N, C-alpha and C. Protein backbone atom coordinates (compact mmCIF):
# COMPACT_ATOMS: atom_id res chain seq x y z
N MET A 1 0.83 -1.34 -0.05
CA MET A 1 0.11 -0.16 -0.07
C MET A 1 0.88 1.14 -0.05
N LYS A 2 0.61 2.07 -0.93
CA LYS A 2 1.29 3.49 -1.13
C LYS A 2 0.27 4.56 -0.72
N ALA A 3 0.40 5.18 0.49
CA ALA A 3 -0.55 6.04 0.87
C ALA A 3 0.22 7.51 1.28
N ILE A 4 -0.91 8.45 1.04
CA ILE A 4 -0.58 9.96 1.73
C ILE A 4 -1.62 10.12 2.95
N ILE A 5 -0.96 10.51 3.94
CA ILE A 5 -1.97 10.97 5.10
C ILE A 5 -1.86 12.53 4.93
N PHE A 6 -3.11 13.08 4.69
CA PHE A 6 -3.20 14.36 4.14
C PHE A 6 -4.05 15.22 5.10
N GLY A 7 -3.58 16.61 5.22
CA GLY A 7 -4.32 17.44 6.05
C GLY A 7 -3.56 18.41 6.52
N ALA A 8 -4.23 19.77 7.05
CA ALA A 8 -3.54 20.85 7.65
C ALA A 8 -2.53 20.68 8.67
N PRO A 9 -1.56 21.53 8.77
CA PRO A 9 -0.56 21.52 9.90
C PRO A 9 -1.33 21.23 11.20
N GLY A 10 -0.90 20.31 12.20
CA GLY A 10 -1.64 20.15 13.30
C GLY A 10 -2.96 19.37 13.16
N ALA A 11 -3.17 18.64 12.13
CA ALA A 11 -4.46 17.87 11.91
C ALA A 11 -4.31 16.61 12.53
N GLY A 12 -3.14 16.11 12.80
CA GLY A 12 -2.88 14.89 13.46
C GLY A 12 -2.04 13.80 12.76
N LYS A 13 -1.55 14.20 11.32
CA LYS A 13 -1.06 13.41 10.49
C LYS A 13 0.13 12.49 11.24
N GLY A 14 0.95 13.03 12.05
CA GLY A 14 2.04 12.17 12.85
C GLY A 14 1.17 11.43 13.71
N THR A 15 0.28 11.66 14.39
CA THR A 15 -0.29 10.72 15.43
C THR A 15 -0.94 9.67 14.80
N TYR A 16 -1.65 9.79 13.72
CA TYR A 16 -2.52 8.84 13.14
C TYR A 16 -1.49 7.92 12.29
N SER A 17 -0.57 8.39 11.59
CA SER A 17 0.51 7.62 10.96
C SER A 17 1.08 6.81 11.64
N THR A 18 1.34 7.30 12.84
CA THR A 18 2.44 6.34 13.81
C THR A 18 1.51 5.03 14.25
N ARG A 19 0.28 5.27 14.54
CA ARG A 19 -0.72 4.23 15.09
C ARG A 19 -0.89 3.30 13.84
N LEU A 20 -1.10 3.92 12.52
CA LEU A 20 -1.36 2.91 11.35
C LEU A 20 -0.07 1.98 11.23
N LYS A 21 1.04 2.69 11.28
CA LYS A 21 2.33 1.96 11.10
C LYS A 21 2.20 0.63 11.94
N THR A 22 1.77 0.89 13.16
CA THR A 22 1.87 -0.43 14.11
C THR A 22 0.73 -1.26 13.67
N LYS A 23 -0.53 -0.90 13.28
CA LYS A 23 -1.59 -1.65 12.87
C LYS A 23 -1.29 -2.37 11.65
N LEU A 24 -0.64 -1.66 10.51
CA LEU A 24 -0.65 -2.16 9.13
C LEU A 24 0.85 -2.82 8.84
N GLY A 25 1.70 -2.40 9.66
CA GLY A 25 3.20 -3.06 9.35
C GLY A 25 3.70 -2.31 8.14
N VAL A 26 3.26 -1.19 8.06
CA VAL A 26 4.04 -0.27 7.08
C VAL A 26 5.08 0.72 7.47
N GLU A 27 5.75 1.34 6.43
CA GLU A 27 6.85 2.19 6.82
C GLU A 27 6.02 3.67 6.73
N VAL A 28 6.51 4.52 7.62
CA VAL A 28 6.03 5.95 7.66
C VAL A 28 7.40 6.79 7.30
N ILE A 29 7.17 7.66 6.29
CA ILE A 29 8.05 8.72 6.18
C ILE A 29 7.55 10.14 6.41
N ALA A 30 7.97 10.54 7.57
CA ALA A 30 7.30 11.93 8.08
C ALA A 30 8.40 12.87 7.58
N MET A 31 8.07 13.67 6.78
CA MET A 31 9.03 14.83 6.28
C MET A 31 9.39 15.81 7.51
N GLY A 32 8.35 16.28 8.19
CA GLY A 32 8.53 17.18 9.34
C GLY A 32 9.60 16.63 10.40
N ASP A 33 9.32 15.30 10.69
CA ASP A 33 10.33 14.66 11.77
C ASP A 33 11.70 14.74 11.12
N ILE A 34 11.75 14.43 9.90
CA ILE A 34 13.16 14.20 9.35
C ILE A 34 13.62 15.65 9.31
N PHE A 35 13.03 16.61 8.83
CA PHE A 35 13.64 17.91 8.99
C PHE A 35 13.95 18.46 10.37
N ARG A 36 13.04 18.19 11.34
CA ARG A 36 13.42 18.82 12.73
C ARG A 36 14.67 17.98 13.20
N ALA A 37 14.84 16.68 12.84
CA ALA A 37 16.13 16.10 13.27
C ALA A 37 17.30 16.72 12.80
N GLN A 38 17.44 17.05 11.63
CA GLN A 38 18.40 17.89 10.90
C GLN A 38 18.49 19.27 11.62
N VAL A 39 17.37 19.83 11.92
CA VAL A 39 17.56 21.17 12.50
C VAL A 39 18.28 20.77 13.88
N LYS A 40 17.83 19.91 14.60
CA LYS A 40 18.50 19.65 16.07
C LYS A 40 19.99 19.27 15.98
N GLU A 41 20.42 18.52 14.88
CA GLU A 41 21.70 18.32 14.66
C GLU A 41 22.49 19.28 14.09
N ASN A 42 21.87 20.51 13.63
CA ASN A 42 22.43 21.63 13.16
C ASN A 42 23.20 21.37 12.00
N SER A 43 22.72 20.53 11.14
CA SER A 43 23.49 20.00 9.80
C SER A 43 23.17 21.16 8.89
N GLU A 44 24.04 21.00 7.63
CA GLU A 44 23.71 22.00 6.63
C GLU A 44 22.47 22.21 6.20
N LEU A 45 21.73 20.94 6.05
CA LEU A 45 20.40 20.81 5.50
C LEU A 45 19.46 21.37 6.83
N GLY A 46 19.77 21.14 7.93
CA GLY A 46 19.06 21.53 9.01
C GLY A 46 19.03 23.17 9.11
N LYS A 47 20.16 23.71 8.66
CA LYS A 47 20.31 25.21 8.82
C LYS A 47 19.39 25.81 7.74
N LYS A 48 19.38 25.16 6.51
CA LYS A 48 18.53 25.73 5.34
C LYS A 48 17.03 25.57 5.80
N VAL A 49 16.72 24.47 6.30
CA VAL A 49 15.20 24.05 6.51
C VAL A 49 14.66 25.19 7.80
N LYS A 50 15.53 25.36 8.79
CA LYS A 50 15.30 26.19 9.93
C LYS A 50 14.97 27.57 9.57
N SER A 51 15.62 28.08 8.33
CA SER A 51 15.30 29.35 7.99
C SER A 51 14.05 29.54 7.41
N TYR A 52 13.39 28.32 6.79
CA TYR A 52 11.98 28.50 6.35
C TYR A 52 11.06 27.95 7.41
N VAL A 53 11.38 27.05 8.21
CA VAL A 53 10.27 26.81 9.33
C VAL A 53 9.86 27.78 10.32
N GLU A 54 11.01 28.74 10.80
CA GLU A 54 10.80 29.86 11.51
C GLU A 54 9.99 30.94 11.01
N LYS A 55 9.80 30.95 9.54
CA LYS A 55 8.88 32.18 8.92
C LYS A 55 7.43 31.28 8.84
N GLY A 56 7.48 29.95 8.85
CA GLY A 56 6.27 29.35 8.74
C GLY A 56 6.02 28.87 7.14
N ALA A 57 7.11 29.20 6.49
CA ALA A 57 7.23 28.92 4.96
C ALA A 57 7.34 27.43 4.66
N LEU A 58 7.10 26.91 3.42
CA LEU A 58 7.36 25.49 3.06
C LEU A 58 8.80 25.59 2.55
N VAL A 59 9.44 24.42 2.96
CA VAL A 59 10.82 24.05 2.45
C VAL A 59 10.65 23.89 0.81
N PRO A 60 11.69 24.44 0.12
CA PRO A 60 11.48 24.41 -1.33
C PRO A 60 11.52 22.99 -1.93
N ASP A 61 10.85 22.58 -2.94
CA ASP A 61 10.65 21.39 -3.59
C ASP A 61 11.72 20.66 -3.83
N GLU A 62 13.02 21.31 -4.32
CA GLU A 62 14.20 20.35 -4.67
C GLU A 62 14.81 19.87 -3.44
N ILE A 63 14.76 20.65 -2.19
CA ILE A 63 15.31 20.01 -1.00
C ILE A 63 14.39 18.77 -0.47
N VAL A 64 13.05 19.06 -0.64
CA VAL A 64 12.08 17.99 -0.12
C VAL A 64 12.12 16.81 -0.81
N VAL A 65 12.29 16.95 -2.33
CA VAL A 65 11.99 15.60 -3.09
C VAL A 65 13.57 14.97 -2.85
N GLU A 66 14.69 15.57 -2.75
CA GLU A 66 15.76 14.88 -2.62
C GLU A 66 15.98 13.99 -1.15
N VAL A 67 15.28 14.58 -0.16
CA VAL A 67 15.35 14.04 1.19
C VAL A 67 14.47 12.80 1.00
N LEU A 68 13.21 13.00 0.33
CA LEU A 68 12.25 11.83 0.29
C LEU A 68 12.98 10.75 -0.54
N LYS A 69 13.53 11.07 -1.72
CA LYS A 69 13.96 9.85 -2.48
C LYS A 69 15.21 9.17 -1.31
N GLN A 70 15.88 9.80 -0.46
CA GLN A 70 16.82 9.08 0.11
C GLN A 70 16.37 8.16 1.21
N HIS A 71 15.24 8.68 1.67
CA HIS A 71 14.38 7.87 2.86
C HIS A 71 13.67 6.72 2.05
N LEU A 72 13.27 6.89 0.88
CA LEU A 72 12.41 5.89 0.19
C LEU A 72 13.14 4.82 -0.10
N ALA A 73 14.52 5.02 -0.38
CA ALA A 73 15.55 3.98 -0.82
C ALA A 73 15.84 3.10 0.32
N LYS A 74 15.45 3.46 1.58
CA LYS A 74 15.74 2.48 2.63
C LYS A 74 14.64 1.73 3.10
N VAL A 75 13.45 1.97 2.44
CA VAL A 75 12.27 1.20 2.74
C VAL A 75 12.36 -0.20 2.16
N PRO A 76 12.20 -1.28 3.03
CA PRO A 76 12.30 -2.61 2.61
C PRO A 76 11.58 -2.92 1.19
N GLN A 77 12.01 -3.59 0.33
CA GLN A 77 11.42 -3.97 -1.14
C GLN A 77 9.97 -4.65 -0.55
N GLY A 78 8.86 -4.13 -1.13
CA GLY A 78 7.68 -4.85 -0.86
C GLY A 78 6.86 -4.21 0.32
N ALA A 79 7.58 -3.29 1.12
CA ALA A 79 6.71 -2.72 2.27
C ALA A 79 5.77 -1.59 1.74
N GLY A 80 4.77 -1.54 2.47
CA GLY A 80 3.77 -0.46 2.26
C GLY A 80 4.29 0.73 2.79
N VAL A 81 4.01 2.05 2.32
CA VAL A 81 4.58 3.27 2.76
C VAL A 81 3.47 4.32 2.92
N ILE A 82 3.45 4.97 4.11
CA ILE A 82 2.52 6.17 4.36
C ILE A 82 3.49 7.27 4.27
N LEU A 83 3.16 8.27 3.44
CA LEU A 83 3.98 9.59 3.51
C LEU A 83 3.26 10.67 4.24
N ASP A 84 3.77 11.26 5.10
CA ASP A 84 3.35 12.31 5.99
C ASP A 84 4.19 13.55 5.75
N GLY A 85 3.44 14.56 5.19
CA GLY A 85 3.94 15.80 4.80
C GLY A 85 4.38 15.97 3.55
N PHE A 86 4.15 14.91 2.58
CA PHE A 86 4.52 15.17 1.23
C PHE A 86 3.57 14.20 0.45
N PRO A 87 2.82 14.88 -0.61
CA PRO A 87 3.34 16.19 -1.31
C PRO A 87 2.43 17.22 -0.68
N ARG A 88 3.15 18.67 -0.64
CA ARG A 88 2.32 19.71 -0.35
C ARG A 88 2.09 20.75 -1.33
N THR A 89 2.57 20.42 -2.44
CA THR A 89 2.39 21.30 -3.73
C THR A 89 1.96 20.53 -4.86
N LEU A 90 1.51 21.12 -5.93
CA LEU A 90 1.31 20.23 -6.99
C LEU A 90 2.43 19.77 -7.77
N GLU A 91 3.43 20.46 -7.84
CA GLU A 91 4.80 20.03 -8.39
C GLU A 91 5.28 18.98 -7.65
N GLN A 92 5.35 18.92 -6.30
CA GLN A 92 5.43 17.80 -5.62
C GLN A 92 4.74 16.47 -5.85
N ALA A 93 3.55 16.74 -6.10
CA ALA A 93 2.57 15.58 -6.47
C ALA A 93 2.98 15.03 -7.74
N LYS A 94 3.18 15.82 -8.77
CA LYS A 94 3.68 15.38 -10.18
C LYS A 94 5.02 14.60 -10.19
N THR A 95 6.01 15.09 -9.23
CA THR A 95 7.16 14.42 -9.14
C THR A 95 7.06 12.94 -8.41
N LEU A 96 5.86 12.88 -7.53
CA LEU A 96 5.74 11.68 -6.93
C LEU A 96 5.17 10.57 -7.82
N GLU A 97 4.54 10.96 -8.80
CA GLU A 97 3.97 10.20 -9.85
C GLU A 97 5.15 9.50 -10.62
N THR A 98 6.22 10.02 -10.70
CA THR A 98 7.56 9.39 -11.30
C THR A 98 8.21 8.40 -10.48
N ILE A 99 7.87 8.48 -9.03
CA ILE A 99 8.55 7.65 -8.16
C ILE A 99 7.56 6.30 -7.90
N PHE A 100 6.41 6.46 -7.53
CA PHE A 100 5.39 5.16 -7.46
C PHE A 100 4.04 5.78 -7.50
N GLU A 101 3.20 4.60 -7.84
CA GLU A 101 1.69 4.89 -8.07
C GLU A 101 1.14 4.82 -6.61
N LEU A 102 0.23 6.05 -6.49
CA LEU A 102 -0.33 6.14 -5.17
C LEU A 102 -1.51 5.36 -5.29
N ASP A 103 -1.88 4.79 -4.03
CA ASP A 103 -3.08 3.82 -3.91
C ASP A 103 -4.25 4.61 -3.26
N VAL A 104 -4.01 5.46 -2.06
CA VAL A 104 -5.06 5.81 -1.43
C VAL A 104 -4.50 7.08 -0.77
N ILE A 105 -5.57 8.05 -0.54
CA ILE A 105 -5.29 9.33 0.32
C ILE A 105 -6.11 9.13 1.56
N LEU A 106 -5.49 9.31 2.92
CA LEU A 106 -6.03 9.46 3.99
C LEU A 106 -6.16 10.97 4.40
N LEU A 107 -7.40 11.55 4.51
CA LEU A 107 -7.74 12.90 4.57
C LEU A 107 -8.09 13.15 6.16
N LEU A 108 -7.41 14.03 6.63
CA LEU A 108 -8.05 14.46 8.25
C LEU A 108 -8.50 15.81 7.96
N GLU A 109 -9.87 16.01 8.32
CA GLU A 109 -10.62 17.14 8.19
C GLU A 109 -10.85 17.69 9.56
N VAL A 110 -10.14 18.76 9.86
CA VAL A 110 -10.12 19.27 11.30
C VAL A 110 -10.50 20.87 11.28
N PRO A 111 -11.35 21.50 12.01
CA PRO A 111 -11.42 22.93 12.03
C PRO A 111 -10.41 23.73 12.44
N ASP A 112 -10.20 24.88 11.89
CA ASP A 112 -8.93 25.76 12.08
C ASP A 112 -8.95 26.11 13.82
N TRP A 113 -10.08 26.23 14.36
CA TRP A 113 -9.99 26.45 15.79
C TRP A 113 -9.48 25.36 16.65
N ILE A 114 -9.68 24.10 16.15
CA ILE A 114 -9.10 23.17 17.15
C ILE A 114 -7.61 22.83 16.72
N ILE A 115 -7.04 23.22 15.53
CA ILE A 115 -5.85 23.01 15.03
C ILE A 115 -4.97 24.07 15.90
N ILE A 116 -5.43 25.43 15.85
CA ILE A 116 -4.87 26.51 16.65
C ILE A 116 -4.73 26.28 18.16
N GLU A 117 -5.74 25.66 18.69
CA GLU A 117 -5.91 25.31 20.26
C GLU A 117 -4.82 24.34 20.42
N ARG A 118 -4.77 23.03 19.39
CA ARG A 118 -3.83 21.97 19.69
C ARG A 118 -2.31 22.48 19.79
N LEU A 119 -1.98 23.29 18.62
CA LEU A 119 -0.43 23.56 18.23
C LEU A 119 -0.18 24.58 19.10
N SER A 120 -1.07 25.66 19.57
CA SER A 120 -0.46 26.77 20.43
C SER A 120 -0.26 26.25 21.92
N SER A 121 -0.82 25.03 22.28
CA SER A 121 -0.63 24.55 23.66
C SER A 121 0.32 23.12 23.61
N ARG A 122 0.74 23.01 22.29
CA ARG A 122 1.68 21.87 22.33
C ARG A 122 3.21 22.02 22.84
N ARG A 123 3.75 21.10 23.62
CA ARG A 123 5.12 21.15 23.90
C ARG A 123 5.72 19.89 23.68
N VAL A 124 6.99 20.13 23.37
CA VAL A 124 7.82 18.90 22.90
C VAL A 124 9.12 18.76 23.85
N CYS A 125 9.49 17.67 24.13
CA CYS A 125 10.58 17.31 24.83
C CYS A 125 12.03 17.60 24.06
N LYS A 126 12.90 18.41 24.54
CA LYS A 126 14.11 18.73 23.75
C LYS A 126 14.93 17.58 23.60
N ASN A 127 14.92 16.74 24.58
CA ASN A 127 15.72 15.43 24.78
C ASN A 127 15.18 14.28 23.73
N CYS A 128 14.01 13.82 24.15
CA CYS A 128 13.60 12.56 23.47
C CYS A 128 12.49 12.83 22.32
N GLY A 129 11.82 14.01 22.43
CA GLY A 129 11.03 14.49 21.31
C GLY A 129 9.60 14.02 21.70
N ALA A 130 9.38 13.48 22.89
CA ALA A 130 7.81 13.12 23.25
C ALA A 130 6.96 14.36 23.24
N VAL A 131 5.70 14.32 22.93
CA VAL A 131 4.86 15.58 22.74
C VAL A 131 3.78 15.53 23.85
N TYR A 132 3.47 16.68 24.40
CA TYR A 132 2.59 16.97 25.56
C TYR A 132 1.58 18.09 25.03
N ASN A 133 0.64 18.30 25.78
CA ASN A 133 -0.18 19.47 25.41
C ASN A 133 -0.66 19.95 26.80
N THR A 134 -0.44 21.31 26.95
CA THR A 134 -0.80 22.15 28.14
C THR A 134 -2.39 22.21 28.61
N ARG A 135 -3.13 21.69 27.52
CA ARG A 135 -4.39 21.70 27.75
C ARG A 135 -5.19 20.29 28.16
N PHE A 136 -4.71 19.12 27.41
CA PHE A 136 -5.16 18.00 27.69
C PHE A 136 -4.26 16.93 27.79
N LEU A 137 -2.99 17.16 27.65
CA LEU A 137 -2.10 15.84 27.70
C LEU A 137 -0.83 16.61 28.56
N LYS A 138 -0.92 16.98 29.94
CA LYS A 138 -0.03 17.60 30.39
C LYS A 138 1.02 16.50 31.09
N SER A 139 2.16 16.99 31.16
CA SER A 139 3.39 16.12 31.95
C SER A 139 2.84 16.26 33.53
N LYS A 140 3.40 15.02 34.16
CA LYS A 140 3.20 15.15 35.64
C LYS A 140 3.74 16.32 36.26
N VAL A 141 5.06 16.63 35.94
CA VAL A 141 5.54 17.78 36.34
C VAL A 141 5.64 18.93 35.32
N GLU A 142 5.15 20.27 35.46
CA GLU A 142 5.21 21.22 34.49
C GLU A 142 6.55 21.33 33.90
N GLY A 143 6.53 21.32 32.58
CA GLY A 143 7.89 21.70 32.11
C GLY A 143 8.85 20.56 31.71
N ILE A 144 8.40 19.57 32.38
CA ILE A 144 9.38 18.26 32.34
C ILE A 144 8.82 17.13 31.97
N CYS A 145 9.62 16.38 31.05
CA CYS A 145 9.13 15.17 30.24
C CYS A 145 8.97 14.00 31.34
N ASP A 146 7.86 13.21 31.33
CA ASP A 146 7.70 12.10 32.11
C ASP A 146 8.72 11.19 31.71
N LYS A 147 8.95 10.94 30.55
CA LYS A 147 9.87 9.80 29.98
C LYS A 147 11.28 9.88 30.41
N CYS A 148 11.91 10.93 30.21
CA CYS A 148 13.29 11.21 30.29
C CYS A 148 13.77 12.23 31.31
N ASP A 149 12.78 13.12 31.81
CA ASP A 149 13.11 14.45 32.51
C ASP A 149 13.72 15.51 31.69
N GLY A 150 13.53 15.42 30.48
CA GLY A 150 13.91 16.27 29.55
C GLY A 150 13.20 17.63 29.59
N GLU A 151 13.71 18.97 29.20
CA GLU A 151 12.94 19.99 29.36
C GLU A 151 11.86 20.07 28.25
N LEU A 152 10.82 20.49 28.47
CA LEU A 152 9.56 20.74 27.36
C LEU A 152 9.66 22.12 26.87
N TYR A 153 9.34 22.37 25.53
CA TYR A 153 9.51 23.59 25.07
C TYR A 153 8.42 23.65 23.87
N GLN A 154 8.20 25.05 23.44
CA GLN A 154 7.13 25.39 22.53
C GLN A 154 7.95 25.43 21.20
N ARG A 155 7.62 24.74 20.05
CA ARG A 155 8.21 24.88 18.87
C ARG A 155 8.11 26.03 18.33
N LEU A 156 9.10 26.73 17.61
CA LEU A 156 8.70 28.20 16.90
C LEU A 156 7.61 28.33 15.94
N ASP A 157 7.36 27.09 15.33
CA ASP A 157 6.22 26.96 14.35
C ASP A 157 5.04 26.99 15.05
N ASP A 158 4.93 26.66 16.41
CA ASP A 158 3.67 26.48 17.11
C ASP A 158 2.96 27.72 17.73
N SER A 159 3.60 28.91 17.37
CA SER A 159 3.10 30.18 17.97
C SER A 159 1.67 30.68 17.16
N SER A 160 0.81 31.22 17.69
CA SER A 160 -0.49 31.56 17.01
C SER A 160 -0.24 32.12 15.74
N GLU A 161 0.61 33.11 15.63
CA GLU A 161 0.81 33.84 14.45
C GLU A 161 1.43 33.00 13.40
N VAL A 162 2.36 32.12 13.57
CA VAL A 162 3.08 31.31 12.71
C VAL A 162 1.97 30.14 12.27
N ILE A 163 1.06 29.70 13.17
CA ILE A 163 -0.05 28.80 12.85
C ILE A 163 -0.87 29.28 11.93
N LYS A 164 -1.32 30.45 12.02
CA LYS A 164 -2.57 30.97 11.01
C LYS A 164 -1.72 31.03 9.69
N LYS A 165 -0.55 31.31 9.65
CA LYS A 165 0.31 31.54 8.35
C LYS A 165 0.41 30.24 7.80
N ARG A 166 0.66 29.25 8.57
CA ARG A 166 0.84 27.90 7.95
C ARG A 166 -0.60 27.32 7.35
N LEU A 167 -1.55 27.66 8.20
CA LEU A 167 -2.85 27.26 7.59
C LEU A 167 -3.27 27.90 6.34
N LYS A 168 -2.96 29.11 6.29
CA LYS A 168 -3.30 29.90 4.79
C LYS A 168 -2.34 29.23 3.78
N ILE A 169 -1.21 28.92 4.07
CA ILE A 169 -0.30 28.28 3.06
C ILE A 169 -1.00 26.84 2.75
N TYR A 170 -1.37 26.07 3.76
CA TYR A 170 -2.19 24.88 3.21
C TYR A 170 -3.23 25.05 2.46
N GLN A 171 -4.30 26.23 2.52
CA GLN A 171 -5.29 26.49 1.86
C GLN A 171 -4.79 26.76 0.63
N ASP A 172 -3.94 27.71 0.40
CA ASP A 172 -3.60 28.20 -0.85
C ASP A 172 -2.62 27.36 -1.76
N GLN A 173 -1.92 26.44 -1.37
CA GLN A 173 -1.16 25.65 -1.97
C GLN A 173 -1.20 24.15 -1.81
N THR A 174 -1.82 23.66 -0.85
CA THR A 174 -1.87 22.08 -0.65
C THR A 174 -3.51 21.75 -0.99
N SER A 175 -4.24 22.53 -0.56
CA SER A 175 -5.67 21.97 -0.76
C SER A 175 -6.03 21.67 -2.08
N PRO A 176 -5.50 22.44 -3.03
CA PRO A 176 -5.68 21.99 -4.40
C PRO A 176 -5.38 20.65 -4.83
N LEU A 177 -4.37 19.99 -4.10
CA LEU A 177 -4.07 18.60 -4.43
C LEU A 177 -5.21 17.72 -4.36
N LEU A 178 -6.25 18.06 -3.45
CA LEU A 178 -7.48 17.19 -3.35
C LEU A 178 -8.14 17.15 -4.82
N VAL A 179 -8.17 18.17 -5.52
CA VAL A 179 -8.81 18.45 -6.81
C VAL A 179 -8.06 17.49 -7.65
N TYR A 180 -6.83 17.76 -7.67
CA TYR A 180 -5.97 16.92 -8.62
C TYR A 180 -5.98 15.51 -8.49
N TYR A 181 -6.27 14.96 -7.19
CA TYR A 181 -6.05 13.58 -7.06
C TYR A 181 -7.58 13.07 -7.43
N LYS A 182 -8.54 13.88 -7.01
CA LYS A 182 -9.98 13.44 -7.50
C LYS A 182 -10.20 13.28 -8.87
N GLU A 183 -9.47 14.10 -9.62
CA GLU A 183 -9.43 14.04 -11.00
C GLU A 183 -8.88 12.70 -11.66
N LYS A 184 -7.87 12.29 -10.79
CA LYS A 184 -7.16 11.05 -11.03
C LYS A 184 -7.74 9.82 -10.60
N ASN A 185 -9.01 9.97 -9.86
CA ASN A 185 -9.75 9.09 -9.39
C ASN A 185 -8.83 8.15 -8.15
N VAL A 186 -8.03 8.88 -7.47
CA VAL A 186 -7.30 8.23 -6.30
C VAL A 186 -8.27 7.94 -5.29
N PRO A 187 -8.52 6.84 -4.57
CA PRO A 187 -9.50 6.53 -3.50
C PRO A 187 -9.11 7.41 -2.27
N LEU A 188 -10.25 8.03 -1.81
CA LEU A 188 -10.17 9.03 -0.69
C LEU A 188 -10.90 8.45 0.56
N ILE A 189 -10.15 8.52 1.65
CA ILE A 189 -10.90 8.16 2.93
C ILE A 189 -10.72 9.43 3.89
N THR A 190 -11.81 10.02 4.31
CA THR A 190 -11.92 11.12 4.89
C THR A 190 -12.28 10.95 6.31
N SER A 191 -11.52 11.42 7.26
CA SER A 191 -11.78 11.33 8.79
C SER A 191 -12.25 12.69 9.20
N ILE A 192 -13.21 12.89 9.77
CA ILE A 192 -13.68 14.27 10.37
C ILE A 192 -13.50 14.25 11.90
N THR A 193 -12.93 15.34 12.35
CA THR A 193 -12.63 15.48 13.83
C THR A 193 -13.43 16.79 14.09
N THR A 194 -14.49 16.71 15.10
CA THR A 194 -15.25 17.80 15.56
C THR A 194 -15.05 18.21 16.86
N VAL A 195 -14.55 17.21 17.79
CA VAL A 195 -14.42 17.44 19.01
C VAL A 195 -12.81 17.53 19.30
N ILE A 196 -12.35 18.38 20.25
CA ILE A 196 -10.83 18.56 20.36
C ILE A 196 -10.13 17.17 20.94
N ASP A 197 -10.98 16.66 21.82
CA ASP A 197 -10.49 15.65 22.73
C ASP A 197 -10.73 14.28 22.24
N THR A 198 -11.23 14.15 20.99
CA THR A 198 -11.54 12.91 20.16
C THR A 198 -10.14 11.98 20.41
N PRO A 199 -10.37 10.66 21.02
CA PRO A 199 -9.08 9.76 21.07
C PRO A 199 -8.79 9.41 19.69
N PRO A 200 -7.57 9.33 19.58
CA PRO A 200 -6.92 9.02 18.07
C PRO A 200 -7.39 7.63 17.86
N GLU A 201 -7.59 6.68 18.53
CA GLU A 201 -7.89 5.23 18.28
C GLU A 201 -9.17 5.28 17.55
N THR A 202 -10.24 6.10 18.03
CA THR A 202 -11.45 6.10 17.28
C THR A 202 -11.21 6.27 15.84
N LEU A 203 -10.38 7.20 15.31
CA LEU A 203 -10.29 7.68 14.21
C LEU A 203 -9.52 6.76 13.25
N VAL A 204 -8.57 6.00 13.99
CA VAL A 204 -7.68 4.91 13.37
C VAL A 204 -8.42 3.81 13.08
N GLU A 205 -9.42 3.35 13.97
CA GLU A 205 -10.42 2.18 13.50
C GLU A 205 -11.20 2.40 12.54
N GLN A 206 -11.68 3.65 12.35
CA GLN A 206 -12.62 4.12 11.06
C GLN A 206 -11.82 3.95 9.91
N MET A 207 -10.43 4.42 9.95
CA MET A 207 -9.70 4.47 8.64
C MET A 207 -9.40 2.98 8.34
N LEU A 208 -9.13 2.08 9.33
CA LEU A 208 -8.80 0.60 9.02
C LEU A 208 -9.91 0.04 8.46
N GLU A 209 -11.24 0.40 8.97
CA GLU A 209 -12.46 -0.21 8.23
C GLU A 209 -12.62 0.14 6.85
N GLU A 210 -12.36 1.40 6.50
CA GLU A 210 -12.46 1.90 5.15
C GLU A 210 -11.40 1.21 4.47
N LEU A 211 -9.98 1.26 4.94
CA LEU A 211 -8.97 0.32 4.10
C LEU A 211 -9.33 -1.07 3.73
N GLU A 212 -10.09 -1.51 4.60
CA GLU A 212 -10.43 -2.99 4.36
C GLU A 212 -11.49 -3.12 3.33
N LYS A 213 -12.48 -2.15 3.41
CA LYS A 213 -13.42 -2.15 2.07
C LYS A 213 -12.71 -2.14 0.92
N LEU A 214 -11.51 -1.19 0.76
CA LEU A 214 -10.88 -1.03 -0.35
C LEU A 214 -9.92 -2.27 -0.60
N LYS A 215 -10.03 -3.05 0.24
CA LYS A 215 -9.01 -4.22 0.06
C LYS A 215 -7.59 -3.92 0.25
N MET A 216 -7.23 -3.21 1.12
CA MET A 216 -5.76 -2.70 1.19
C MET A 216 -5.25 -3.15 2.48
N THR A 217 -5.97 -4.05 3.27
CA THR A 217 -5.47 -4.57 4.77
C THR A 217 -5.65 -5.98 4.59
């Protein structure tokens, strides 16, 4: 199975793709995680990425595609793949067609107010990367990771101002991909969130049921 998990920043792509990885035994390539790791390492790639992320802008296509190809090359032959965070532009989508045939899109529909609330209250461990939320997933000790006692911080791209800019970029540049894939008759599974505290497992089970109907599990 070759799939894209699709949705606005903060829609939960990482949360759901991680759970689907366990359930389906597929590989997940999360571009955001890859880039953040490079930024943390302060590599040359990381320095370039950081300059875009801090402004809430998309990383240029040529950088993203090259990194994607490097990680796809590491996927075991015959294994399924879920792409998280790619493609984000029409040009990226066209490039993807030259790499593999897409089987299904997993679309996460989440209202902007939920996304802004989720991301502006998100905190991440500087040490192990564990994710918390000051609203509904607090650490036992404020500002300290439960798993490794690392310091929790707010990512630069999680400020309200940057979030709103990222959502506008999504609407302007990424949403048209849905029209593009609809015209190509790529199967679409839509999961809708209307309550901010909806357990991820609820939507994951719905996705698995729809994938089974498409005979992809």
